[in-house]
Amino acid sequence: LKAELTKESNLKEAALNEKSKIESYITSNQAKSQEAIRAKDEELKKRDSLVSAMRSDISKLTKVKDDTQKLLESADMQIKARSVELMKTTQIVNELKKQMNQEAQSRDNAVKEVK
């Protein structure tokens, strides 16, 4: 009976030791899991921050692109308007040259008639 009790006591002690090892293993794994989760959360926060910064940069670049497009369109309109003005000025100059040539021709003809 005493041997049986000793055997049972040894089995209980072995079971308690095994239970303690398992609990220690579980606690260790939980701590490792929590650390891994915390590290992933930090990584995700950094990624979110980078994505947010990139979106902000994209927004700024889009605004710069739109502003540049408006400036280009305005410059194009100014160029077209100046081209029209230049054509009108060229036409006026050509008409004045024509008039001057006609007046010179008339003078030359008048001088020839006088002679």
Foldseek 3Di string as FASTA:
>chain_A
DVVVVVVVVVVVVVVVVVVVVVVVVVVVVVVVVVVVVVVVVVVVVVVVVVVVVVVVVVVVVVVVVVVVVVVVVVVVVVVVVVVVVVVVVVVVVVVVVVVVVVVVVVVVVVVVVVD
